[in-house]
Amino acid sequence: RLVLNVDEFPYATLSQYRFFKGRMADQRGAKGLLPYAPINALFSDYAHKFRWVWMPAGEQAVYNNDHRVLDFPDGTVLVKTFYYDRVQPANTRRIVETRLLYKRNGQWEFADYVWNAEQTEATYSLSGSTVPVIFATEQDEFRCVTYRIPAQSECHTCHKLYDVDIPIGPKPQSLNSVIQYADGPMNQLAKWESVGYLAPGYPLNINTVVDWTDDTQDLEQRVRAYLDMNCAHCHATGRHCDYRPMRFAWNETTDPVNLGVCMAPEDPIDPSQTHIVAAGNAGRSMMVYRMNSVDEAVRMPLMGRTVVHDEAVELISTWINSLNPPCP
């Protein structure tokens, strides 16, 4: 079983952790490195992600409530690798970075590793950088992105809660789903409990987010699920955009006011945008306007993307156009 000591972190290179079996670029986790996948992924310029969790032997995370991040023990390590498939001109996989969040002395800390062009090693850096990537989509269209590897200050902006850094994704509401493991499919929370990574006794009736990409689900629930993962970690009390009136967390968006419906925008960015969400009119909705922009002074989210998430803009626009009655 993989043995880690966060008191020694961060190492200069990713290979020193021995996270992976065999060739590091194959991303096959060592024993004790448990894969996980939130029901909805944060959009990161169309990058794909591998995620793992590791805890010291005998330590367990504890359930708090459905919509809060699990209470992880000291020594926990969260590993996330960002990559693209069908990268041109060779039409191959390209791993860009591997991020770590580790808990030491009750505090979460960051480490980031930037992969070399040969895909043999990744080197520690929290300085921030960009990587140009051209890749082919499933529809055989080519996309060009200038992928942003965040600096430490950018990590802090997105992860802070009352100025203390915490993880974003591993919440019961986002982990209560079945994924494929090496030994077969299993509910993630049940799997975590079975390997000793989650204390027993958590509820079985968790208020679980829907998969926003599943068009068989209710349209508004899909919108709420997307905003929960991509916007709520800033638009929440104690977060970076605390001063804004919207609250986009899954458990809070049952109130249309928290979604910005018929709420006047505070910023006079464009007078044609009459409301944050102008019921029945996506073209006059600040939410769509910001999501459809790549201007750093306008776009939302502020960080983590440099291109428009076309599928999300379509989803949000369809939902807004379905709303009635129109705003006064």
C-alpha atoms as a PDB file:
ATOM      1  CA  ARG A   1       0.000   0.000   0.000  1.00  0.00           C
ATOM      2  CA  LEU A   2       1.172   3.501  -0.872  1.00  0.00           C
ATOM      3  CA  VAL A   3       2.720   5.280   2.119  1.00  0.00           C
ATOM      4  CA  LEU A   4       2.799   9.092   2.193  1.00  0.00           C
ATOM      5  CA  ASN A   5       3.953  11.624   4.760  1.00  0.00           C
ATOM      6  CA  VAL A   6       2.527  15.093   4.184  1.00  0.00           C
ATOM      7  CA  ASP A   7       5.146  16.554   6.530  1.00  0.00           C
ATOM      8  CA  GLU A   8       7.620  15.963   3.689  1.00  0.00           C
ATOM      9  CA  PHE A   9       5.464  17.701   1.061  1.00  0.00           C
ATOM     10  CA  PRO A  10       5.890  19.213  -1.452  1.00  0.00           C
ATOM     11  CA  TYR A  11       8.434  17.209  -3.417  1.00  0.00           C
ATOM     12  CA  ALA A  12      10.260  18.720  -6.379  1.00  0.00           C
ATOM     13  CA  THR A  13       8.853  16.205  -8.852  1.00  0.00           C
ATOM     14  CA  LEU A  14       5.627  14.209  -9.122  1.00  0.00           C
ATOM     15  CA  SER A  15       7.414  10.876  -9.482  1.00  0.00           C
ATOM     16  CA  GLN A  16       8.793  11.174  -5.942  1.00  0.00           C
ATOM     17  CA  TYR A  17       5.329  10.528  -4.495  1.00  0.00           C
ATOM     18  CA  ARG A  18       5.054   7.110  -6.224  1.00  0.00           C
ATOM     19  CA  PHE A  19       1.347   7.723  -6.837  1.00  0.00           C
ATOM     20  CA  PHE A  20       1.262   5.636 -10.009  1.00  0.00           C
ATOM     21  CA  LYS A  21       2.131   2.109 -11.046  1.00  0.00           C
ATOM     22  CA  GLY A  22       4.264   1.589 -14.138  1.00  0.00           C
ATOM     23  CA  ARG A  23       4.628   4.430 -16.616  1.00  0.00           C
ATOM     24  CA  MET A  24       3.475   7.594 -14.849  1.00  0.00           C
ATOM     25  CA  ALA A  25       1.615   8.895 -17.900  1.00  0.00           C
ATOM     26  CA  ASP A  26      -0.655   5.823 -17.811  1.00  0.00           C
ATOM     27  CA  GLN A  27      -2.127   7.207 -14.569  1.00  0.00           C
ATOM     28  CA  ARG A  28      -2.730   3.844 -12.884  1.00  0.00           C
ATOM     29  CA  GLY A  29      -3.065   4.596  -9.194  1.00  0.00           C
ATOM     30  CA  ALA A  30      -0.953   2.739  -6.648  1.00  0.00           C
ATOM     31  CA  LYS A  31      -2.697   0.646  -3.997  1.00  0.00           C
ATOM     32  CA  GLY A  32      -4.450   2.945  -1.549  1.00  0.00           C
ATOM     33  CA  LEU A  33      -4.989   5.691  -4.116  1.00  0.00           C
ATOM     34  CA  LEU A  34      -8.753   5.446  -4.622  1.00  0.00           C
ATOM     35  CA  PRO A  35     -10.282   6.970  -7.789  1.00  0.00           C
ATOM     36  CA  TYR A  36     -13.371   9.127  -7.483  1.00  0.00           C
ATOM     37  CA  ALA A  37     -15.529  11.230  -9.795  1.00  0.00           C
ATOM     38  CA  PRO A  38     -18.070  13.882  -8.792  1.00  0.00           C
ATOM     39  CA  ILE A  39     -21.359  13.591 -10.659  1.00  0.00           C
ATOM     40  CA  ASN A  40     -20.612  16.930 -12.343  1.00  0.00           C
ATOM     41  CA  ALA A  41     -17.147  18.147 -13.218  1.00  0.00           C
ATOM     42  CA  LEU A  42     -15.974  21.724 -12.989  1.00  0.00           C
ATOM     43  CA  PHE A  43     -15.494  23.045 -16.537  1.00  0.00           C
ATOM     44  CA  SER A  44     -11.804  23.645 -17.265  1.00  0.00           C
ATOM     45  CA  ASP A  45     -11.530  24.567 -20.951  1.00  0.00           C
ATOM     46  CA  TYR A  46     -12.725  21.096 -21.979  1.00  0.00           C
ATOM     47  CA  ALA A  47      -9.866  19.340 -20.138  1.00  0.00           C
ATOM     48  CA  HIS A  48     -10.544  15.840 -18.801  1.00  0.00           C
ATOM     49  CA  LYS A  49      -9.565  14.845 -15.252  1.00  0.00           C
ATOM     50  CA  PHE A  50      -8.415  11.862 -13.243  1.00  0.00           C
ATOM     51  CA  ARG A  51      -9.067  12.133  -9.495  1.00  0.00           C
ATOM     52  CA  TRP A  52      -7.879  10.119  -6.501  1.00  0.00           C
ATOM     53  CA  VAL A  53      -8.057  10.280  -2.724  1.00  0.00           C
ATOM     54  CA  TRP A  54      -5.552   8.834  -0.240  1.00  0.00           C
ATOM     55  CA  MET A  55      -5.696   8.716   3.570  1.00  0.00           C
ATOM     56  CA  PRO A  56      -3.303   7.383   6.188  1.00  0.00           C
ATOM     57  CA  ALA A  57      -3.993   3.865   7.420  1.00  0.00           C
ATOM     58  CA  GLY A  58      -6.725   3.817  10.046  1.00  0.00           C
ATOM     59  CA  GLU A  59      -7.959   7.342   9.258  1.00  0.00           C
ATOM     60  CA  GLN A  60     -11.430   8.134   7.924  1.00  0.00           C
ATOM     61  CA  ALA A  61     -13.402  11.043   6.548  1.00  0.00           C
ATOM     62  CA  VAL A  62     -16.623  11.907   8.379  1.00  0.00           C
ATOM     63  CA  TYR A  63     -19.984  12.938   6.931  1.00  0.00           C
ATOM     64  CA  ASN A  64     -21.123  16.464   7.909  1.00  0.00           C
ATOM     65  CA  ASN A  65     -24.170  16.999   5.739  1.00  0.00           C
ATOM     66  CA  ASP A  66     -25.184  16.438   2.138  1.00  0.00           C
ATOM     67  CA  HIS A  67     -23.827  19.691   0.713  1.00  0.00           C
ATOM     68  CA  ARG A  68     -20.642  20.206   2.742  1.00  0.00           C
ATOM     69  CA  VAL A  69     -17.269  18.743   1.901  1.00  0.00           C
ATOM     70  CA  LEU A  70     -16.502  15.632   3.936  1.00  0.00           C
ATOM     71  CA  ASP A  71     -14.501  16.241   7.100  1.00  0.00           C
ATOM     72  CA  PHE A  72     -11.148  14.767   6.093  1.00  0.00           C
ATOM     73  CA  PRO A  73      -8.432  13.716   8.564  1.00  0.00           C
ATOM     74  CA  ASP A  74      -4.936  15.156   8.655  1.00  0.00           C
ATOM     75  CA  GLY A  75      -2.706  13.444   6.141  1.00  0.00           C
ATOM     76  CA  THR A  76      -5.391  13.247   3.434  1.00  0.00           C
ATOM     77  CA  VAL A  77      -4.155  13.809  -0.126  1.00  0.00           C
ATOM     78  CA  LEU A  78      -6.411  14.652  -3.083  1.00  0.00           C
ATOM     79  CA  VAL A  79      -4.797  14.182  -6.500  1.00  0.00           C
ATOM     80  CA  LYS A  80      -6.209  15.581  -9.748  1.00  0.00           C
ATOM     81  CA  THR A  81      -4.632  15.250 -13.188  1.00  0.00           C
ATOM     82  CA  PHE A  82      -5.781  17.445 -16.098  1.00  0.00           C
ATOM     83  CA  TYR A  83      -5.364  16.136 -19.636  1.00  0.00           C
ATOM     84  CA  TYR A  84      -6.614  16.348 -23.209  1.00  0.00           C
ATOM     85  CA  ASP A  85      -7.217  13.532 -25.663  1.00  0.00           C
ATOM     86  CA  ARG A  86      -6.682  13.698 -29.427  1.00  0.00           C
ATOM     87  CA  VAL A  87      -4.140  16.502 -29.128  1.00  0.00           C
ATOM     88  CA  GLN A  88      -2.768  17.623 -32.485  1.00  0.00           C
ATOM     89  CA  PRO A  89      -0.783  17.065 -34.576  1.00  0.00           C
ATOM     90  CA  ALA A  90      -0.107  13.524 -33.263  1.00  0.00           C
ATOM     91  CA  ASN A  91      -3.732  12.934 -32.131  1.00  0.00           C
ATOM     92  CA  THR A  92      -2.532  11.631 -28.761  1.00  0.00           C
ATOM     93  CA  ARG A  93      -3.194  12.254 -25.067  1.00  0.00           C
ATOM     94  CA  ARG A  94      -1.441  15.206 -23.463  1.00  0.00           C
ATOM     95  CA  ILE A  95      -1.286  15.525 -19.676  1.00  0.00           C
ATOM     96  CA  VAL A  96      -0.902  19.166 -18.674  1.00  0.00           C
ATOM     97  CA  GLU A  97      -0.782  19.272 -14.882  1.00  0.00           C
ATOM     98  CA  THR A  98      -1.399  17.314 -11.692  1.00  0.00           C
ATOM     99  CA  ARG A  99      -2.701  19.229  -8.683  1.00  0.00           C
ATOM    100  CA  LEU A 100      -2.501  18.146  -5.053  1.00  0.00           C
ATOM    101  CA  LEU A 101      -4.521  19.263  -2.069  1.00  0.00           C
ATOM    102  CA  TYR A 102      -3.174  17.851   1.177  1.00  0.00           C
ATOM    103  CA  LYS A 103      -4.198  18.391   4.777  1.00  0.00           C
ATOM    104  CA  ARG A 104      -1.471  19.135   7.293  1.00  0.00           C
ATOM    105  CA  ASN A 105      -1.966  20.393  10.856  1.00  0.00           C
ATOM    106  CA  GLY A 106      -5.641  20.971  10.164  1.00  0.00           C
ATOM    107  CA  GLN A 107      -5.022  23.128   7.096  1.00  0.00           C
ATOM    108  CA  TRP A 108      -5.279  22.343   3.377  1.00  0.00           C
ATOM    109  CA  GLU A 109      -2.264  23.207   1.226  1.00  0.00           C
ATOM    110  CA  PHE A 110      -1.655  23.242  -2.520  1.00  0.00           C
ATOM    111  CA  ALA A 111       1.002  21.720  -4.735  1.00  0.00           C
ATOM    112  CA  ASP A 112       0.951  21.732  -8.529  1.00  0.00           C
ATOM    113  CA  TYR A 113       3.051  19.766 -11.002  1.00  0.00           C
ATOM    114  CA  VAL A 114       3.533  20.794 -14.636  1.00  0.00           C
ATOM    115  CA  TRP A 115       4.148  17.910 -17.048  1.00  0.00           C
ATOM    116  CA  ASN A 116       6.992  17.969 -19.543  1.00  0.00           C
ATOM    117  CA  ALA A 117       6.450  17.578 -23.293  1.00  0.00           C
ATOM    118  CA  GLU A 118       7.824  14.020 -23.170  1.00  0.00           C
ATOM    119  CA  GLN A 119       5.130  13.056 -20.622  1.00  0.00           C
ATOM    120  CA  THR A 120       7.708  11.421 -18.382  1.00  0.00           C
ATOM    121  CA  GLU A 121       7.815  13.820 -15.424  1.00  0.00           C
ATOM    122  CA  ALA A 122       6.037  16.760 -13.831  1.00  0.00           C
ATOM    123  CA  THR A 123       7.775  19.518 -11.902  1.00  0.00           C
ATOM    124  CA  TYR A 124       6.538  21.472  -8.891  1.00  0.00           C
ATOM    125  CA  SER A 125       5.407  25.011  -9.602  1.00  0.00           C
ATOM    126  CA  LEU A 126       2.879  27.376  -8.065  1.00  0.00           C
ATOM    127  CA  SER A 127       3.921  30.309 -10.252  1.00  0.00           C
ATOM    128  CA  GLY A 128       1.209  29.919 -12.886  1.00  0.00           C
ATOM    129  CA  SER A 129       1.726  29.442 -16.619  1.00  0.00           C
ATOM    130  CA  THR A 130      -0.099  28.789 -19.879  1.00  0.00           C
ATOM    131  CA  VAL A 131       0.019  25.880 -22.312  1.00  0.00           C
ATOM    132  CA  PRO A 132      -1.375  26.109 -25.870  1.00  0.00           C
ATOM    133  CA  VAL A 133      -3.363  23.010 -26.842  1.00  0.00           C
ATOM    134  CA  ILE A 134      -5.117  22.100 -30.093  1.00  0.00           C
ATOM    135  CA  PHE A 135      -7.348  19.040 -29.836  1.00  0.00           C
ATOM    136  CA  ALA A 136     -10.062  17.277 -31.812  1.00  0.00           C
ATOM    137  CA  THR A 137     -13.543  16.943 -30.343  1.00  0.00           C
ATOM    138  CA  GLU A 138     -15.804  13.911 -30.579  1.00  0.00           C
ATOM    139  CA  GLN A 139     -17.423  15.664 -33.551  1.00  0.00           C
ATOM    140  CA  ASP A 140     -14.001  15.851 -35.269  1.00  0.00           C
ATOM    141  CA  GLU A 141     -13.865  19.605 -34.875  1.00  0.00           C
ATOM    142  CA  PHE A 142     -10.654  21.275 -33.781  1.00  0.00           C
ATOM    143  CA  ARG A 143     -10.495  23.468 -30.695  1.00  0.00           C
ATOM    144  CA  CYS A 144      -7.620  25.689 -29.712  1.00  0.00           C
ATOM    145  CA  VAL A 145      -7.198  26.668 -26.061  1.00  0.00           C
ATOM    146  CA  THR A 146      -4.523  28.452 -24.113  1.00  0.00           C
ATOM    147  CA  TYR A 147      -4.802  26.336 -20.999  1.00  0.00           C
ATOM    148  CA  ARG A 148      -4.108  28.203 -17.769  1.00  0.00           C
ATOM    149  CA  ILE A 149      -2.159  26.453 -15.014  1.00  0.00           C
ATOM    150  CA  PRO A 150      -3.071  28.457 -11.894  1.00  0.00           C
ATOM    151  CA  ALA A 151      -0.742  30.291  -9.567  1.00  0.00           C
ATOM    152  CA  GLN A 152      -1.148  29.776  -5.826  1.00  0.00           C
ATOM    153  CA  SER A 153      -3.160  32.989  -5.489  1.00  0.00           C
ATOM    154  CA  GLU A 154      -5.639  31.716  -8.094  1.00  0.00           C
ATOM    155  CA  CYS A 155      -5.989  28.408  -6.245  1.00  0.00           C
ATOM    156  CA  HIS A 156      -6.760  30.351  -3.082  1.00  0.00           C
ATOM    157  CA  THR A 157      -9.371  32.547  -4.800  1.00  0.00           C
ATOM    158  CA  CYS A 158     -11.465  29.540  -5.799  1.00  0.00           C
ATOM    159  CA  HIS A 159     -10.918  27.339  -2.742  1.00  0.00           C
ATOM    160  CA  LYS A 160     -11.160  29.827   0.110  1.00  0.00           C
ATOM    161  CA  LEU A 161     -13.911  29.765   2.710  1.00  0.00           C
ATOM    162  CA  TYR A 162     -13.519  32.685   5.113  1.00  0.00           C
ATOM    163  CA  ASP A 163      -9.931  32.884   3.808  1.00  0.00           C
ATOM    164  CA  VAL A 164      -9.168  29.252   4.728  1.00  0.00           C
ATOM    165  CA  ASP A 165      -8.611  26.840   1.847  1.00  0.00           C
ATOM    166  CA  ILE A 166     -10.826  23.747   1.488  1.00  0.00           C
ATOM    167  CA  PRO A 167     -11.631  21.253  -1.298  1.00  0.00           C
ATOM    168  CA  ILE A 168     -14.603  21.907  -3.600  1.00  0.00           C
ATOM    169  CA  GLY A 169     -15.761  18.632  -5.133  1.00  0.00           C
ATOM    170  CA  PRO A 170     -15.911  15.774  -2.584  1.00  0.00           C
ATOM    171  CA  LYS A 171     -19.349  16.369  -1.088  1.00  0.00           C
ATOM    172  CA  PRO A 172     -21.856  13.569  -0.403  1.00  0.00           C
ATOM    173  CA  GLN A 173     -24.350  15.155  -2.819  1.00  0.00           C
ATOM    174  CA  SER A 174     -21.753  14.885  -5.588  1.00  0.00           C
ATOM    175  CA  LEU A 175     -20.318  11.459  -4.699  1.00  0.00           C
ATOM    176  CA  ASN A 176     -23.564   9.531  -4.240  1.00  0.00           C
ATOM    177  CA  SER A 177     -23.293   7.748  -7.588  1.00  0.00           C
ATOM    178  CA  VAL A 178     -22.008   4.506  -9.075  1.00  0.00           C
ATOM    179  CA  ILE A 179     -18.686   4.487 -10.927  1.00  0.00           C
ATOM    180  CA  GLN A 180     -16.553   1.719 -12.376  1.00  0.00           C
ATOM    181  CA  TYR A 181     -13.693   0.437 -10.222  1.00  0.00           C
ATOM    182  CA  ALA A 182     -11.085  -2.181 -11.116  1.00  0.00           C
ATOM    183  CA  ASP A 183     -13.182  -4.807  -9.316  1.00  0.00           C
ATOM    184  CA  GLY A 184     -16.535  -3.668 -10.723  1.00  0.00           C
ATOM    185  CA  PRO A 185     -19.143  -0.900 -10.376  1.00  0.00           C
ATOM    186  CA  MET A 186     -20.044   0.428  -6.929  1.00  0.00           C
ATOM    187  CA  ASN A 187     -21.568   3.465  -5.258  1.00  0.00           C
ATOM    188  CA  GLN A 188     -18.707   5.799  -4.387  1.00  0.00           C
ATOM    189  CA  LEU A 189     -19.739   6.487  -0.790  1.00  0.00           C
ATOM    190  CA  ALA A 190     -20.186   2.770  -0.187  1.00  0.00           C
ATOM    191  CA  LYS A 191     -16.779   2.140  -1.739  1.00  0.00           C
ATOM    192  CA  TRP A 192     -15.126   4.741   0.450  1.00  0.00           C
ATOM    193  CA  GLU A 193     -16.686   3.113   3.503  1.00  0.00           C
ATOM    194  CA  SER A 194     -15.655  -0.390   2.374  1.00  0.00           C
ATOM    195  CA  VAL A 195     -11.973   0.593   2.064  1.00  0.00           C
ATOM    196  CA  GLY A 196     -12.034   2.507   5.354  1.00  0.00           C
ATOM    197  CA  TYR A 197     -11.969   6.020   3.896  1.00  0.00           C
ATOM    198  CA  LEU A 198     -15.436   7.028   5.145  1.00  0.00           C
ATOM    199  CA  ALA A 199     -16.849   6.451   8.617  1.00  0.00           C
ATOM    200  CA  PRO A 200     -20.081   4.433   8.618  1.00  0.00           C
ATOM    201  CA  GLY A 201     -23.385   5.967   9.636  1.00  0.00           C
ATOM    202  CA  TYR A 202     -23.908   8.498   6.847  1.00  0.00           C
ATOM    203  CA  PRO A 203     -27.541   8.756   5.631  1.00  0.00           C
ATOM    204  CA  LEU A 204     -28.746   6.812   2.612  1.00  0.00           C
ATOM    205  CA  ASN A 205     -31.301   9.425   1.517  1.00  0.00           C
ATOM    206  CA  ILE A 206     -28.786  12.047   0.386  1.00  0.00           C
ATOM    207  CA  ASN A 207     -30.147  15.008  -1.586  1.00  0.00           C
ATOM    208  CA  THR A 208     -28.061  14.164  -4.646  1.00  0.00           C
ATOM    209  CA  VAL A 209     -27.345  16.470  -7.585  1.00  0.00           C
ATOM    210  CA  VAL A 210     -28.447  15.359 -11.034  1.00  0.00           C
ATOM    211  CA  ASP A 211     -26.032  14.935 -13.932  1.00  0.00           C
ATOM    212  CA  TRP A 212     -26.398  18.197 -15.834  1.00  0.00           C
ATOM    213  CA  THR A 213     -25.502  16.478 -19.125  1.00  0.00           C
ATOM    214  CA  ASP A 214     -28.406  14.006 -18.791  1.00  0.00           C
ATOM    215  CA  ASP A 215     -31.189  15.412 -20.961  1.00  0.00           C
ATOM    216  CA  THR A 216     -33.720  12.996 -19.445  1.00  0.00           C
ATOM    217  CA  GLN A 217     -33.550  14.988 -16.209  1.00  0.00           C
ATOM    218  CA  ASP A 218     -35.640  18.047 -15.372  1.00  0.00           C
ATOM    219  CA  LEU A 219     -34.276  21.142 -17.135  1.00  0.00           C
ATOM    220  CA  GLU A 220     -34.159  23.370 -14.059  1.00  0.00           C
ATOM    221  CA  GLN A 221     -32.490  20.678 -11.980  1.00  0.00           C
ATOM    222  CA  ARG A 222     -29.812  20.312 -14.657  1.00  0.00           C
ATOM    223  CA  VAL A 223     -29.231  24.069 -14.531  1.00  0.00           C
ATOM    224  CA  ARG A 224     -29.050  24.027 -10.742  1.00  0.00           C
ATOM    225  CA  ALA A 225     -26.576  21.131 -10.843  1.00  0.00           C
ATOM    226  CA  TYR A 226     -24.331  22.921 -13.340  1.00  0.00           C
ATOM    227  CA  LEU A 227     -24.335  26.160 -11.365  1.00  0.00           C
ATOM    228  CA  ASP A 228     -23.686  24.259  -8.133  1.00  0.00           C
ATOM    229  CA  MET A 229     -20.408  22.836  -9.416  1.00  0.00           C
ATOM    230  CA  ASN A 230     -19.226  25.751 -11.545  1.00  0.00           C
ATOM    231  CA  CYS A 231     -20.434  28.825  -9.645  1.00  0.00           C
ATOM    232  CA  ALA A 232     -21.418  28.035  -6.050  1.00  0.00           C
ATOM    233  CA  HIS A 233     -17.861  27.805  -4.718  1.00  0.00           C
ATOM    234  CA  CYS A 234     -17.574  31.571  -5.326  1.00  0.00           C
ATOM    235  CA  HIS A 235     -21.201  32.674  -4.976  1.00  0.00           C
ATOM    236  CA  ALA A 236     -21.668  31.601  -1.372  1.00  0.00           C
ATOM    237  CA  THR A 237     -21.327  33.079   2.095  1.00  0.00           C
ATOM    238  CA  GLY A 238     -17.678  33.395   3.040  1.00  0.00           C
ATOM    239  CA  ARG A 239     -16.521  32.876  -0.550  1.00  0.00           C
ATOM    240  CA  HIS A 240     -14.892  35.159  -3.115  1.00  0.00           C
ATOM    241  CA  CYS A 241     -18.199  36.513  -4.508  1.00  0.00           C
ATOM    242  CA  ASP A 242     -19.952  36.616  -1.134  1.00  0.00           C
ATOM    243  CA  TYR A 243     -20.976  40.242  -1.794  1.00  0.00           C
ATOM    244  CA  ARG A 244     -23.137  39.227  -4.764  1.00  0.00           C
ATOM    245  CA  PRO A 245     -26.806  38.401  -4.034  1.00  0.00           C
ATOM    246  CA  MET A 246     -26.872  35.073  -5.910  1.00  0.00           C
ATOM    247  CA  ARG A 247     -26.457  31.781  -4.062  1.00  0.00           C
ATOM    248  CA  PHE A 248     -25.906  28.945  -6.514  1.00  0.00           C
ATOM    249  CA  ALA A 249     -25.479  25.925  -4.239  1.00  0.00           C
ATOM    250  CA  TRP A 250     -27.708  22.929  -5.022  1.00  0.00           C
ATOM    251  CA  ASN A 251     -29.424  23.144  -1.636  1.00  0.00           C
ATOM    252  CA  GLU A 252     -30.126  26.884  -2.025  1.00  0.00           C
ATOM    253  CA  THR A 253     -31.323  27.219  -5.624  1.00  0.00           C
ATOM    254  CA  THR A 254     -34.856  26.051  -4.892  1.00  0.00           C
ATOM    255  CA  ASP A 255     -35.434  29.808  -4.385  1.00  0.00           C
ATOM    256  CA  PRO A 256     -35.520  31.489  -7.844  1.00  0.00           C
ATOM    257  CA  VAL A 257     -34.126  34.699  -6.333  1.00  0.00           C
ATOM    258  CA  ASN A 258     -30.907  32.847  -5.519  1.00  0.00           C
ATOM    259  CA  LEU A 259     -30.670  31.960  -9.214  1.00  0.00           C
ATOM    260  CA  GLY A 260     -30.953  35.629 -10.129  1.00  0.00           C
ATOM    261  CA  VAL A 261     -34.406  35.338 -11.700  1.00  0.00           C
ATOM    262  CA  CYS A 262     -35.765  38.854 -12.334  1.00  0.00           C
ATOM    263  CA  MET A 263     -32.915  40.323 -10.249  1.00  0.00           C
ATOM    264  CA  ALA A 264     -31.403  43.542 -11.618  1.00  0.00           C
ATOM    265  CA  PRO A 265     -27.626  43.284 -12.193  1.00  0.00           C
ATOM    266  CA  GLU A 266     -25.456  45.469 -10.004  1.00  0.00           C
ATOM    267  CA  ASP A 267     -22.794  46.045 -12.653  1.00  0.00           C
ATOM    268  CA  PRO A 268     -23.617  48.336 -15.612  1.00  0.00           C
ATOM    269  CA  ILE A 269     -21.568  46.189 -17.997  1.00  0.00           C
ATOM    270  CA  ASP A 270     -24.129  46.315 -20.791  1.00  0.00           C
ATOM    271  CA  PRO A 271     -27.458  48.153 -20.538  1.00  0.00           C
ATOM    272  CA  SER A 272     -29.129  45.564 -22.782  1.00  0.00           C
ATOM    273  CA  GLN A 273     -28.827  43.029 -19.951  1.00  0.00           C
ATOM    274  CA  THR A 274     -31.880  43.957 -17.905  1.00  0.00           C
ATOM    275  CA  HIS A 275     -31.724  41.157 -15.331  1.00  0.00           C
ATOM    276  CA  ILE A 276     -29.291  38.533 -14.112  1.00  0.00           C
ATOM    277  CA  VAL A 277     -31.870  36.059 -15.403  1.00  0.00           C
ATOM    278  CA  ALA A 278     -34.510  37.767 -17.549  1.00  0.00           C
ATOM    279  CA  ALA A 279     -37.333  35.236 -17.532  1.00  0.00           C
ATOM    280  CA  GLY A 280     -38.209  34.253 -21.092  1.00  0.00           C
ATOM    281  CA  ASN A 281     -35.319  36.190 -22.653  1.00  0.00           C
ATOM    282  CA  ALA A 282     -31.796  34.752 -22.573  1.00  0.00           C
ATOM    283  CA  GLY A 283     -30.595  37.618 -24.771  1.00  0.00           C
ATOM    284  CA  ARG A 284     -31.281  40.110 -21.984  1.00  0.00           C
ATOM    285  CA  SER A 285     -29.820  37.959 -19.201  1.00  0.00           C
ATOM    286  CA  MET A 286     -26.514  38.937 -17.601  1.00  0.00           C
ATOM    287  CA  MET A 287     -25.840  35.300 -16.686  1.00  0.00           C
ATOM    288  CA  VAL A 288     -25.739  34.267 -20.345  1.00  0.00           C
ATOM    289  CA  TYR A 289     -23.861  37.418 -21.335  1.00  0.00           C
ATOM    290  CA  ARG A 290     -21.067  36.671 -18.858  1.00  0.00           C
ATOM    291  CA  MET A 291     -20.951  32.939 -19.611  1.00  0.00           C
ATOM    292  CA  ASN A 292     -20.698  33.751 -23.318  1.00  0.00           C
ATOM    293  CA  SER A 293     -17.740  36.101 -22.899  1.00  0.00           C
ATOM    294  CA  VAL A 294     -13.991  35.425 -22.779  1.00  0.00           C
ATOM    295  CA  ASP A 295     -13.184  38.996 -21.724  1.00  0.00           C
ATOM    296  CA  GLU A 296     -11.426  38.724 -18.355  1.00  0.00           C
ATOM    297  CA  ALA A 297     -13.340  41.779 -17.110  1.00  0.00           C
ATOM    298  CA  VAL A 298     -16.706  40.250 -18.007  1.00  0.00           C
ATOM    299  CA  ARG A 299     -16.596  36.460 -18.073  1.00  0.00           C
ATOM    300  CA  MET A 300     -17.977  34.149 -15.460  1.00  0.00           C
ATOM    301  CA  PRO A 301     -16.479  32.168 -13.915  1.00  0.00           C
ATOM    302  CA  LEU A 302     -13.636  34.627 -13.471  1.00  0.00           C
ATOM    303  CA  MET A 303     -11.006  31.885 -13.432  1.00  0.00           C
ATOM    304  CA  GLY A 304     -10.609  28.337 -14.646  1.00  0.00           C
ATOM    305  CA  ARG A 305     -11.681  28.948 -18.217  1.00  0.00           C
ATOM    306  CA  THR A 306     -10.548  30.961 -21.234  1.00  0.00           C
ATOM    307  CA  VAL A 307     -13.070  29.635 -23.790  1.00  0.00           C
ATOM    308  CA  VAL A 308     -16.859  29.550 -23.795  1.00  0.00           C
ATOM    309  CA  HIS A 309     -18.527  26.382 -22.528  1.00  0.00           C
ATOM    310  CA  ASP A 310     -20.908  26.157 -25.473  1.00  0.00           C
ATOM    311  CA  GLU A 311     -23.024  23.289 -24.146  1.00  0.00           C
ATOM    312  CA  ALA A 312     -23.589  25.053 -20.834  1.00  0.00           C
ATOM    313  CA  VAL A 313     -24.551  28.322 -22.513  1.00  0.00           C
ATOM    314  CA  GLU A 314     -27.088  26.393 -24.588  1.00  0.00           C
ATOM    315  CA  LEU A 315     -28.503  24.710 -21.472  1.00  0.00           C
ATOM    316  CA  ILE A 316     -28.812  27.957 -19.495  1.00  0.00           C
ATOM    317  CA  SER A 317     -30.315  29.809 -22.469  1.00  0.00           C
ATOM    318  CA  THR A 318     -32.914  27.091 -23.057  1.00  0.00           C
ATOM    319  CA  TRP A 319     -33.911  27.208 -19.395  1.00  0.00           C
ATOM    320  CA  ILE A 320     -34.166  31.004 -19.294  1.00  0.00           C
ATOM    321  CA  ASN A 321     -36.258  31.101 -22.462  1.00  0.00           C
ATOM    322  CA  SER A 322     -38.642  28.568 -20.890  1.00  0.00           C
ATOM    323  CA  LEU A 323     -39.331  30.757 -17.843  1.00  0.00           C
ATOM    324  CA  ASN A 324     -42.556  32.709 -17.496  1.00  0.00           C
ATOM    325  CA  PRO A 325     -44.079  35.112 -16.786  1.00  0.00           C
ATOM    326  CA  PRO A 326     -41.541  37.649 -18.042  1.00  0.00           C
ATOM    327  CA  CYS A 327     -39.882  39.958 -15.542  1.00  0.00           C
ATOM    328  CA  PRO A 328     -41.708  43.245 -14.880  1.00  0.00           C
END
